[in-house]
Amino acid sequence: MGLVLHGGMIAMQALWVWPWLTQVCGWTPAAASKGLLLINAGMLLAFPGCGGWVTCRR
């Protein structure tokens, strides 16, 4: 399940988020990179928490 969720998030970032931030929002590549870094940091922090939540619910 983690592989599917992680793969989907990476695909979204590469195919949709980066072009949207740079072309639609007008962010510079450096600003878009920082935004993607924050998304990845949030995902890194959220996955262990979600894993603990799922295992506690069983």
N, C-alpha and C. Protein backbone atom coordinates (compact mmCIF):
# COMPACT_ATOMS: atom_id res chain seq x y z
N MET A 1 0.82 -1.18 0.00
CA MET A 1 0.00 0.00 0.00
C MET A 1 0.88 1.26 0.00
N GLY A 2 1.95 1.22 0.79
CA GLY A 2 2.84 2.37 0.84
C GLY A 2 3.49 2.66 -0.49
N LEU A 3 3.83 1.59 -1.23
CA LEU A 3 4.44 1.77 -2.55
C LEU A 3 3.50 2.48 -3.51
N VAL A 4 2.24 2.12 -3.48
CA VAL A 4 1.25 2.75 -4.36
C VAL A 4 1.05 4.21 -3.98
N LEU A 5 0.91 4.48 -2.68
CA LEU A 5 0.71 5.86 -2.24
C LEU A 5 1.92 6.73 -2.52
N HIS A 6 3.09 6.20 -2.22
CA HIS A 6 4.32 6.96 -2.46
C HIS A 6 4.54 7.19 -3.95
N GLY A 7 4.33 6.15 -4.75
CA GLY A 7 4.48 6.28 -6.20
C GLY A 7 3.50 7.28 -6.79
N GLY A 8 2.27 7.26 -6.29
CA GLY A 8 1.28 8.22 -6.76
C GLY A 8 1.65 9.65 -6.42
N MET A 9 2.18 9.85 -5.24
CA MET A 9 2.58 11.20 -4.83
C MET A 9 3.76 11.70 -5.65
N ILE A 10 4.72 10.84 -5.92
CA ILE A 10 5.86 11.24 -6.74
C ILE A 10 5.41 11.54 -8.16
N ALA A 11 4.51 10.74 -8.69
CA ALA A 11 4.00 11.00 -10.04
C ALA A 11 3.27 12.34 -10.09
N MET A 12 2.48 12.64 -9.07
CA MET A 12 1.79 13.93 -9.02
C MET A 12 2.78 15.08 -9.00
N GLN A 13 3.82 14.96 -8.20
CA GLN A 13 4.80 16.03 -8.11
C GLN A 13 5.51 16.25 -9.43
N ALA A 14 5.92 15.17 -10.05
CA ALA A 14 6.69 15.28 -11.29
C ALA A 14 5.84 15.72 -12.47
N LEU A 15 4.61 15.21 -12.55
CA LEU A 15 3.79 15.46 -13.73
C LEU A 15 2.85 16.65 -13.59
N TRP A 16 2.49 17.01 -12.36
CA TRP A 16 1.47 18.04 -12.22
C TRP A 16 1.91 19.20 -11.34
N VAL A 17 2.45 18.95 -10.17
CA VAL A 17 2.74 20.02 -9.22
C VAL A 17 3.84 20.95 -9.74
N TRP A 18 4.94 20.39 -10.21
CA TRP A 18 6.05 21.23 -10.68
C TRP A 18 5.62 22.14 -11.83
N PRO A 19 5.01 21.62 -12.90
CA PRO A 19 4.58 22.54 -13.97
C PRO A 19 3.52 23.53 -13.50
N TRP A 20 2.63 23.12 -12.63
CA TRP A 20 1.60 24.03 -12.14
C TRP A 20 2.21 25.18 -11.35
N LEU A 21 3.17 24.88 -10.48
CA LEU A 21 3.80 25.93 -9.69
C LEU A 21 4.59 26.90 -10.57
N THR A 22 5.27 26.38 -11.58
CA THR A 22 6.11 27.25 -12.39
C THR A 22 5.33 27.97 -13.49
N GLN A 23 4.37 27.31 -14.11
CA GLN A 23 3.68 27.92 -15.24
C GLN A 23 2.42 28.68 -14.84
N VAL A 24 1.62 28.12 -13.95
CA VAL A 24 0.36 28.76 -13.56
C VAL A 24 0.59 29.79 -12.47
N CYS A 25 1.32 29.41 -11.44
CA CYS A 25 1.55 30.33 -10.31
C CYS A 25 2.68 31.32 -10.59
N GLY A 26 3.52 31.01 -11.57
CA GLY A 26 4.61 31.91 -11.90
C GLY A 26 5.78 31.85 -10.94
N TRP A 27 5.90 30.77 -10.18
CA TRP A 27 7.02 30.63 -9.24
C TRP A 27 8.30 30.39 -10.03
N THR A 28 9.40 30.82 -9.47
CA THR A 28 10.70 30.52 -10.07
C THR A 28 11.00 29.04 -9.81
N PRO A 29 11.91 28.46 -10.59
CA PRO A 29 12.27 27.07 -10.32
C PRO A 29 12.79 26.85 -8.89
N ALA A 30 13.51 27.83 -8.34
CA ALA A 30 14.01 27.69 -6.97
C ALA A 30 12.86 27.66 -5.97
N ALA A 31 11.87 28.53 -6.15
CA ALA A 31 10.73 28.56 -5.24
C ALA A 31 9.90 27.28 -5.37
N ALA A 32 9.73 26.79 -6.60
CA ALA A 32 8.99 25.55 -6.80
C ALA A 32 9.72 24.37 -6.16
N SER A 33 11.04 24.40 -6.21
CA SER A 33 11.83 23.34 -5.57
C SER A 33 11.63 23.36 -4.07
N LYS A 34 11.60 24.54 -3.47
CA LYS A 34 11.37 24.64 -2.03
C LYS A 34 9.96 24.16 -1.67
N GLY A 35 8.99 24.47 -2.52
CA GLY A 35 7.64 23.99 -2.29
C GLY A 35 7.55 22.47 -2.34
N LEU A 36 8.22 21.87 -3.32
CA LEU A 36 8.22 20.42 -3.42
C LEU A 36 8.97 19.79 -2.25
N LEU A 37 10.02 20.47 -1.77
CA LEU A 37 10.74 19.98 -0.60
C LEU A 37 9.81 19.94 0.62
N LEU A 38 9.00 20.97 0.78
CA LEU A 38 8.05 20.99 1.90
C LEU A 38 7.00 19.89 1.76
N ILE A 39 6.54 19.65 0.54
CA ILE A 39 5.59 18.56 0.32
C ILE A 39 6.21 17.23 0.70
N ASN A 40 7.45 17.00 0.28
CA ASN A 40 8.13 15.74 0.59
C ASN A 40 8.42 15.61 2.08
N ALA A 41 8.79 16.71 2.74
CA ALA A 41 9.03 16.66 4.18
C ALA A 41 7.74 16.33 4.92
N GLY A 42 6.64 16.92 4.49
CA GLY A 42 5.35 16.60 5.10
C GLY A 42 4.97 15.14 4.89
N MET A 43 5.24 14.64 3.70
CA MET A 43 4.95 13.24 3.41
C MET A 43 5.85 12.33 4.25
N LEU A 44 7.10 12.71 4.43
CA LEU A 44 8.04 11.92 5.23
C LEU A 44 7.57 11.84 6.69
N LEU A 45 7.03 12.94 7.20
CA LEU A 45 6.54 12.96 8.57
C LEU A 45 5.19 12.27 8.71
N ALA A 46 4.37 12.33 7.68
CA ALA A 46 3.02 11.78 7.76
C ALA A 46 2.97 10.26 7.62
N PHE A 47 3.85 9.68 6.82
CA PHE A 47 3.78 8.23 6.60
C PHE A 47 3.94 7.42 7.88
N PRO A 48 4.94 7.69 8.73
CA PRO A 48 5.02 6.91 9.98
C PRO A 48 3.79 7.12 10.87
N GLY A 49 3.29 8.33 10.90
CA GLY A 49 2.10 8.59 11.71
C GLY A 49 0.90 7.83 11.19
N CYS A 50 0.73 7.80 9.88
CA CYS A 50 -0.39 7.06 9.29
C CYS A 50 -0.21 5.57 9.52
N GLY A 51 1.02 5.10 9.46
CA GLY A 51 1.27 3.68 9.71
C GLY A 51 0.91 3.29 11.13
N GLY A 52 1.25 4.15 12.08
CA GLY A 52 0.90 3.89 13.47
C GLY A 52 -0.60 3.93 13.68
N TRP A 53 -1.26 4.85 13.01
CA TRP A 53 -2.71 4.97 13.13
C TRP A 53 -3.41 3.73 12.57
N VAL A 54 -2.92 3.24 11.43
CA VAL A 54 -3.54 2.06 10.81
C VAL A 54 -3.32 0.82 11.67
N THR A 55 -2.10 0.65 12.21
CA THR A 55 -1.85 -0.55 13.01
C THR A 55 -2.58 -0.52 14.34
N CYS A 56 -2.82 0.66 14.89
CA CYS A 56 -3.56 0.76 16.15
C CYS A 56 -5.04 0.45 15.96
N ARG A 57 -5.54 0.67 14.76
CA ARG A 57 -6.97 0.45 14.50
C ARG A 57 -7.31 -1.01 14.27
N ARG A 58 -6.32 -1.86 14.09
CA ARG A 58 -6.60 -3.27 13.83
C ARG A 58 -7.03 -3.96 15.04
